[in-house]
Each structure stands twice: as C-alpha cells, then as structure tokens.
Amino acid sequence: MNKTDLRKKFKLLRASLSVSDIEDLSIAIANNLLKTPVWKGTYYHLFLSIAEKREIDTSYILSILQGKDKEIVVSKTHIEDNSLTHYLLTENTRLVKSKWGIPEPVDGIEVPLEKLDVVFVPLLAFDKNGQRIGYGKGFYDTFLSKCRPDVIKIGLSFFEAEPDIDNIYETDVPLDYCITPTTIYTFTK
C-alpha cells in the first residue's frame, strides 16, 4: 500500500481509539519496551505526544527513562525549514504547545546530535522491513540522517506492521525496532 493510503487508514484507526484504549495500549507499549536491549545508552530522545492526534502517550516511557536515570532529550520544531533543535529535558524546562499541538521546550540546554544513543520515533504506520510513515513533512528522516550511524531508532505503534510500504524514498530512514502493545519488531540492516 502507498504512503497516502496508509496515512488515511491509520489516522482513521487512531480516531477510533478511546482515551481509555490509548492509555491501556500506551502502557502495554512501555512495558514491552522494557524487554528490549536498549538500556545501555545515556541520551534518549523522546517525542512528546500530540494528544489531539491520538498519539501514543509517551509519559509512561518518560517515567521509565527518569527511573533509569537517563538523560532525556526533546525537540523544538522549526516549521520554516523543517528542522528540529534538541534540548535536555530538566525539571526547569518549560514546555509550550506549538501550533501543531506538540509540547515543545521554550529554550534550554541544547544537546548535539552526536550525543544521542536512542531515538524514539513517532509514526503513523510501519512495515515488516522497518520502514515508517510519519505525517509527511520529513522532520524525523532529516533529523535521523544527521545522527550517528549507530543511534538506535525505535518506532512506537498502536498497530502491527504492514506487509510492505510501496513508495519508499532514498531519504527515508528505517527503524531498528518498533514496539507495539503485543510485539517487539527487530529489523536487521
């Protein structure tokens, strides 16, 4: 299936989830994440959920990272050039919702990309080859292409893998893992 059709399909599937479903599925994803071998790093980049788009509630993963004393990094979106700036999340970080509903840091301690060990990647859908579909602006593909080659890329999804995404581009960056409420997908390079 192509990216446009998959975006439509998975936006509708998400829209059908209740608040209670999202909470239960998000907790299941966080619990599954604990079973992965990704905990040796120091700097973990986490996307903060857009509740209005019925995204996975990453607050449960945030709690896990805090409990493991990891350095947590969050992004600020720059719409004018489709880029992200990355900041350390501290108790003093002030978050404000962007025009897209993304909770973002106002300012803070900027973290260079080469420090990142693990990146949690938002997505609408993914396939059995580790390819993912986001909202189509390319923010994460651009960001991930600038990270260290060994950075671990973890997708988070309420739904299971599609067999294949038809129109993959050279600039699309595949995942290393994708965690769903019931499955841990591992993709080999």
C-alpha atoms as a PDB file:
ATOM      1  CA  MET A   1       0.000   0.000   0.000  1.00  0.00           C
ATOM      2  CA  ASN A   2       1.291   3.516  -0.704  1.00  0.00           C
ATOM      3  CA  LYS A   3       2.035   6.190   1.900  1.00  0.00           C
ATOM      4  CA  THR A   4      -1.028   8.336   1.162  1.00  0.00           C
ATOM      5  CA  ASP A   5      -3.445   5.423   1.582  1.00  0.00           C
ATOM      6  CA  LEU A   6      -1.657   4.193   4.707  1.00  0.00           C
ATOM      7  CA  ARG A   7      -1.812   7.664   6.292  1.00  0.00           C
ATOM      8  CA  LYS A   8      -5.574   7.767   5.727  1.00  0.00           C
ATOM      9  CA  LYS A   9      -6.062   4.232   7.035  1.00  0.00           C
ATOM     10  CA  PHE A  10      -4.062   4.723  10.231  1.00  0.00           C
ATOM     11  CA  LYS A  11      -5.472   8.159  11.015  1.00  0.00           C
ATOM     12  CA  LEU A  12      -8.927   6.568  10.914  1.00  0.00           C
ATOM     13  CA  LEU A  13      -7.795   3.645  13.062  1.00  0.00           C
ATOM     14  CA  ARG A  14      -6.350   6.053  15.640  1.00  0.00           C
ATOM     15  CA  ALA A  15      -9.521   8.152  15.589  1.00  0.00           C
ATOM     16  CA  SER A  16     -11.498   5.037  16.557  1.00  0.00           C
ATOM     17  CA  LEU A  17      -9.495   4.590  19.786  1.00  0.00           C
ATOM     18  CA  SER A  18     -10.996   5.813  23.042  1.00  0.00           C
ATOM     19  CA  VAL A  19      -8.975   7.704  25.657  1.00  0.00           C
ATOM     20  CA  SER A  20      -9.032   4.530  27.740  1.00  0.00           C
ATOM     21  CA  ASP A  21      -7.764   2.462  24.765  1.00  0.00           C
ATOM     22  CA  ILE A  22      -4.888   4.899  24.233  1.00  0.00           C
ATOM     23  CA  GLU A  23      -3.925   4.706  27.900  1.00  0.00           C
ATOM     24  CA  ASP A  24      -4.031   0.894  28.019  1.00  0.00           C
ATOM     25  CA  LEU A  25      -2.165   0.472  24.722  1.00  0.00           C
ATOM     26  CA  SER A  26       0.462   3.081  25.692  1.00  0.00           C
ATOM     27  CA  ILE A  27       1.137   1.254  28.975  1.00  0.00           C
ATOM     28  CA  ALA A  28       1.458  -2.053  27.082  1.00  0.00           C
ATOM     29  CA  ILE A  29       3.972  -0.461  24.687  1.00  0.00           C
ATOM     30  CA  ALA A  30       6.016   0.929  27.597  1.00  0.00           C
ATOM     31  CA  ASN A  31       6.023  -2.496  29.280  1.00  0.00           C
ATOM     32  CA  ASN A  32       7.139  -4.183  26.048  1.00  0.00           C
ATOM     33  CA  LEU A  33       9.894  -1.607  25.662  1.00  0.00           C
ATOM     34  CA  LEU A  34      11.357  -2.775  28.986  1.00  0.00           C
ATOM     35  CA  LYS A  35      12.043  -6.160  27.332  1.00  0.00           C
ATOM     36  CA  THR A  36      14.361  -4.665  24.683  1.00  0.00           C
ATOM     37  CA  PRO A  37      18.179  -4.480  24.917  1.00  0.00           C
ATOM     38  CA  VAL A  38      18.350  -0.686  24.507  1.00  0.00           C
ATOM     39  CA  TRP A  39      19.197   0.474  28.032  1.00  0.00           C
ATOM     40  CA  LYS A  40      22.997   0.872  27.914  1.00  0.00           C
ATOM     41  CA  GLY A  41      22.916   4.403  26.485  1.00  0.00           C
ATOM     42  CA  THR A  42      22.868   7.738  28.283  1.00  0.00           C
ATOM     43  CA  TYR A  43      20.977  10.147  25.984  1.00  0.00           C
ATOM     44  CA  TYR A  44      17.438   9.154  24.947  1.00  0.00           C
ATOM     45  CA  HIS A  45      15.468  11.356  22.560  1.00  0.00           C
ATOM     46  CA  LEU A  46      11.723  11.137  23.215  1.00  0.00           C
ATOM     47  CA  PHE A  47       8.908  12.722  21.253  1.00  0.00           C
ATOM     48  CA  LEU A  48       6.185  14.306  23.355  1.00  0.00           C
ATOM     49  CA  SER A  49       2.712  13.213  22.303  1.00  0.00           C
ATOM     50  CA  ILE A  50       0.147  15.241  20.415  1.00  0.00           C
ATOM     51  CA  ALA A  51      -2.987  14.237  22.330  1.00  0.00           C
ATOM     52  CA  GLU A  52      -5.297  15.726  19.690  1.00  0.00           C
ATOM     53  CA  LYS A  53      -3.831  13.353  17.075  1.00  0.00           C
ATOM     54  CA  ARG A  54      -4.381  10.382  19.390  1.00  0.00           C
ATOM     55  CA  GLU A  55      -0.677   9.587  19.522  1.00  0.00           C
ATOM     56  CA  ILE A  56       0.863   7.107  21.922  1.00  0.00           C
ATOM     57  CA  ASP A  57       1.098   8.622  25.390  1.00  0.00           C
ATOM     58  CA  THR A  58       4.864   8.734  25.868  1.00  0.00           C
ATOM     59  CA  SER A  59       4.588   9.887  29.503  1.00  0.00           C
ATOM     60  CA  TYR A  60       4.917   6.231  30.567  1.00  0.00           C
ATOM     61  CA  ILE A  61       8.198   5.908  28.671  1.00  0.00           C
ATOM     62  CA  LEU A  62       9.303   9.234  30.139  1.00  0.00           C
ATOM     63  CA  SER A  63       8.758   7.776  33.630  1.00  0.00           C
ATOM     64  CA  ILE A  64      10.809   4.692  32.729  1.00  0.00           C
ATOM     65  CA  LEU A  65      13.660   6.858  31.424  1.00  0.00           C
ATOM     66  CA  GLN A  66      13.596   9.002  34.564  1.00  0.00           C
ATOM     67  CA  GLY A  67      13.589   5.864  36.733  1.00  0.00           C
ATOM     68  CA  LYS A  68      16.649   4.586  34.883  1.00  0.00           C
ATOM     69  CA  ASP A  69      18.425   7.965  35.345  1.00  0.00           C
ATOM     70  CA  LYS A  70      18.715   8.563  31.600  1.00  0.00           C
ATOM     71  CA  GLU A  71      19.317  11.975  30.050  1.00  0.00           C
ATOM     72  CA  ILE A  72      16.094  12.804  28.218  1.00  0.00           C
ATOM     73  CA  VAL A  73      16.146  14.961  25.099  1.00  0.00           C
ATOM     74  CA  VAL A  74      13.104  16.601  23.471  1.00  0.00           C
ATOM     75  CA  SER A  75      12.758  18.626  20.276  1.00  0.00           C
ATOM     76  CA  LYS A  76      11.560  22.010  19.190  1.00  0.00           C
ATOM     77  CA  THR A  77      10.154  22.187  15.647  1.00  0.00           C
ATOM     78  CA  HIS A  78      11.194  24.869  13.171  1.00  0.00           C
ATOM     79  CA  ILE A  79       8.457  24.854  10.540  1.00  0.00           C
ATOM     80  CA  GLU A  80      10.176  27.408   8.317  1.00  0.00           C
ATOM     81  CA  ASP A  81      12.988  24.988   7.391  1.00  0.00           C
ATOM     82  CA  ASN A  82      11.585  21.597   8.529  1.00  0.00           C
ATOM     83  CA  SER A  83      14.279  21.203  11.176  1.00  0.00           C
ATOM     84  CA  LEU A  84      14.420  20.293  14.850  1.00  0.00           C
ATOM     85  CA  THR A  85      16.512  21.631  17.720  1.00  0.00           C
ATOM     86  CA  HIS A  86      17.095  19.234  20.609  1.00  0.00           C
ATOM     87  CA  TYR A  87      17.081  20.184  24.294  1.00  0.00           C
ATOM     88  CA  LEU A  88      17.779  18.384  27.538  1.00  0.00           C
ATOM     89  CA  LEU A  89      14.551  17.892  29.471  1.00  0.00           C
ATOM     90  CA  THR A  90      15.087  19.039  33.063  1.00  0.00           C
ATOM     91  CA  GLU A  91      12.817  19.956  35.955  1.00  0.00           C
ATOM     92  CA  ASN A  92      13.209  23.596  34.830  1.00  0.00           C
ATOM     93  CA  THR A  93      12.246  23.002  31.205  1.00  0.00           C
ATOM     94  CA  ARG A  94       9.156  24.993  30.285  1.00  0.00           C
ATOM     95  CA  LEU A  95       7.012  23.294  27.640  1.00  0.00           C
ATOM     96  CA  VAL A  96       4.546  25.131  25.399  1.00  0.00           C
ATOM     97  CA  LYS A  97       2.307  23.615  22.721  1.00  0.00           C
ATOM     98  CA  SER A  98       3.315  24.530  19.180  1.00  0.00           C
ATOM     99  CA  LYS A  99       0.769  25.462  16.519  1.00  0.00           C
ATOM    100  CA  TRP A 100       0.663  21.735  15.669  1.00  0.00           C
ATOM    101  CA  GLY A 101      -0.151  20.798  19.282  1.00  0.00           C
ATOM    102  CA  ILE A 102       3.335  19.429  20.034  1.00  0.00           C
ATOM    103  CA  PRO A 103       4.564  20.121  23.587  1.00  0.00           C
ATOM    104  CA  GLU A 104       7.951  21.771  22.973  1.00  0.00           C
ATOM    105  CA  PRO A 105      10.671  23.325  25.117  1.00  0.00           C
ATOM    106  CA  VAL A 106      10.803  27.106  25.011  1.00  0.00           C
ATOM    107  CA  ASP A 107      14.584  27.015  25.443  1.00  0.00           C
ATOM    108  CA  GLY A 108      17.171  25.172  27.495  1.00  0.00           C
ATOM    109  CA  ILE A 109      20.403  23.258  27.169  1.00  0.00           C
ATOM    110  CA  GLU A 110      20.886  22.266  23.541  1.00  0.00           C
ATOM    111  CA  VAL A 111      22.120  18.710  23.011  1.00  0.00           C
ATOM    112  CA  PRO A 112      24.339  17.923  19.993  1.00  0.00           C
ATOM    113  CA  LEU A 113      23.079  15.057  17.822  1.00  0.00           C
ATOM    114  CA  GLU A 114      26.265  13.036  18.267  1.00  0.00           C
ATOM    115  CA  LYS A 115      25.383  12.551  21.953  1.00  0.00           C
ATOM    116  CA  LEU A 116      22.125  10.724  21.190  1.00  0.00           C
ATOM    117  CA  ASP A 117      22.164   6.971  21.824  1.00  0.00           C
ATOM    118  CA  VAL A 118      18.468   6.145  21.282  1.00  0.00           C
ATOM    119  CA  VAL A 119      15.701   7.979  19.419  1.00  0.00           C
ATOM    120  CA  PHE A 120      12.023   7.155  19.867  1.00  0.00           C
ATOM    121  CA  VAL A 121      10.368   7.856  16.548  1.00  0.00           C
ATOM    122  CA  PRO A 122       6.728   8.881  16.064  1.00  0.00           C
ATOM    123  CA  LEU A 123       4.880   7.228  13.202  1.00  0.00           C
ATOM    124  CA  LEU A 124       1.500   6.529  11.703  1.00  0.00           C
ATOM    125  CA  ALA A 125       2.402   3.138  10.211  1.00  0.00           C
ATOM    126  CA  PHE A 126       5.402   0.892   9.595  1.00  0.00           C
ATOM    127  CA  ASP A 127       6.172  -2.239   7.633  1.00  0.00           C
ATOM    128  CA  LYS A 128       7.942  -5.534   8.250  1.00  0.00           C
ATOM    129  CA  ASN A 129      11.145  -4.078   6.755  1.00  0.00           C
ATOM    130  CA  GLY A 130      11.391  -1.292   9.341  1.00  0.00           C
ATOM    131  CA  GLN A 131      10.203   1.471   7.034  1.00  0.00           C
ATOM    132  CA  ARG A 132       7.869   4.009   8.634  1.00  0.00           C
ATOM    133  CA  ILE A 133       5.387   6.655   7.629  1.00  0.00           C
ATOM    134  CA  GLY A 134       5.061   9.870   9.578  1.00  0.00           C
ATOM    135  CA  TYR A 135       2.915  12.878   8.818  1.00  0.00           C
ATOM    136  CA  GLY A 136       4.844  13.551   5.593  1.00  0.00           C
ATOM    137  CA  LYS A 137       6.941  16.619   6.395  1.00  0.00           C
ATOM    138  CA  GLY A 138      10.261  14.750   6.680  1.00  0.00           C
ATOM    139  CA  PHE A 139      11.305  16.207  10.053  1.00  0.00           C
ATOM    140  CA  TYR A 140      12.389  12.877  11.522  1.00  0.00           C
ATOM    141  CA  ASP A 141      14.036  11.498   8.376  1.00  0.00           C
ATOM    142  CA  THR A 142      16.151  14.660   8.144  1.00  0.00           C
ATOM    143  CA  PHE A 143      16.956  14.517  11.868  1.00  0.00           C
ATOM    144  CA  LEU A 144      17.790  10.785  11.866  1.00  0.00           C
ATOM    145  CA  SER A 145      20.014  11.110   8.800  1.00  0.00           C
ATOM    146  CA  LYS A 146      22.217  13.503  10.807  1.00  0.00           C
ATOM    147  CA  CYS A 147      22.543  11.228  13.859  1.00  0.00           C
ATOM    148  CA  ARG A 148      25.421   8.823  14.462  1.00  0.00           C
ATOM    149  CA  PRO A 149      25.164   5.672  12.316  1.00  0.00           C
ATOM    150  CA  ASP A 150      24.845   3.550  15.491  1.00  0.00           C
ATOM    151  CA  VAL A 151      21.972   5.522  17.049  1.00  0.00           C
ATOM    152  CA  ILE A 152      19.137   3.125  17.898  1.00  0.00           C
ATOM    153  CA  LYS A 153      15.864   4.135  16.207  1.00  0.00           C
ATOM    154  CA  ILE A 154      12.720   2.838  17.907  1.00  0.00           C
ATOM    155  CA  GLY A 155       9.254   3.306  16.453  1.00  0.00           C
ATOM    156  CA  LEU A 156       6.185   3.156  18.685  1.00  0.00           C
ATOM    157  CA  SER A 157       2.862   1.989  17.255  1.00  0.00           C
ATOM    158  CA  PHE A 158      -0.586   1.029  18.496  1.00  0.00           C
ATOM    159  CA  PHE A 159      -0.921  -1.235  15.454  1.00  0.00           C
ATOM    160  CA  GLU A 160       1.016  -4.126  13.948  1.00  0.00           C
ATOM    161  CA  ALA A 161       3.287  -3.962  10.880  1.00  0.00           C
ATOM    162  CA  GLU A 162       2.001  -3.646   7.347  1.00  0.00           C
ATOM    163  CA  PRO A 163       3.497  -6.183   4.914  1.00  0.00           C
ATOM    164  CA  ASP A 164       5.171  -3.501   2.787  1.00  0.00           C
ATOM    165  CA  ILE A 165       5.118   0.237   2.102  1.00  0.00           C
ATOM    166  CA  ASP A 166       5.193   0.790  -1.669  1.00  0.00           C
ATOM    167  CA  ASN A 167       6.753   4.192  -2.228  1.00  0.00           C
ATOM    168  CA  ILE A 168       9.871   4.311  -0.062  1.00  0.00           C
ATOM    169  CA  TYR A 169      12.372   7.068  -0.868  1.00  0.00           C
ATOM    170  CA  GLU A 170      16.149   7.044  -0.621  1.00  0.00           C
ATOM    171  CA  THR A 171      15.906   9.665   2.139  1.00  0.00           C
ATOM    172  CA  ASP A 172      13.597   7.509   4.317  1.00  0.00           C
ATOM    173  CA  VAL A 173      15.490   6.269   7.381  1.00  0.00           C
ATOM    174  CA  PRO A 174      14.446   2.787   8.560  1.00  0.00           C
ATOM    175  CA  LEU A 175      13.886   1.789  12.177  1.00  0.00           C
ATOM    176  CA  ASP A 176      15.939  -0.653  14.240  1.00  0.00           C
ATOM    177  CA  TYR A 177      12.939  -1.635  16.381  1.00  0.00           C
ATOM    178  CA  CYS A 178       9.235  -0.977  16.527  1.00  0.00           C
ATOM    179  CA  ILE A 179       7.297  -1.627  19.709  1.00  0.00           C
ATOM    180  CA  THR A 180       3.562  -2.352  19.683  1.00  0.00           C
ATOM    181  CA  PRO A 181       1.346  -3.416  22.593  1.00  0.00           C
ATOM    182  CA  THR A 182       1.904  -7.094  21.712  1.00  0.00           C
ATOM    183  CA  THR A 183       5.078  -7.321  19.608  1.00  0.00           C
ATOM    184  CA  ILE A 184       8.707  -6.230  19.585  1.00  0.00           C
ATOM    185  CA  TYR A 185       9.824  -5.970  15.954  1.00  0.00           C
ATOM    186  CA  THR A 186      13.560  -6.112  15.320  1.00  0.00           C
ATOM    187  CA  PHE A 187      14.877  -5.045  11.927  1.00  0.00           C
ATOM    188  CA  THR A 188      18.301  -6.118  10.715  1.00  0.00           C
ATOM    189  CA  LYS A 189      20.370  -3.918   8.456  1.00  0.00           C
END
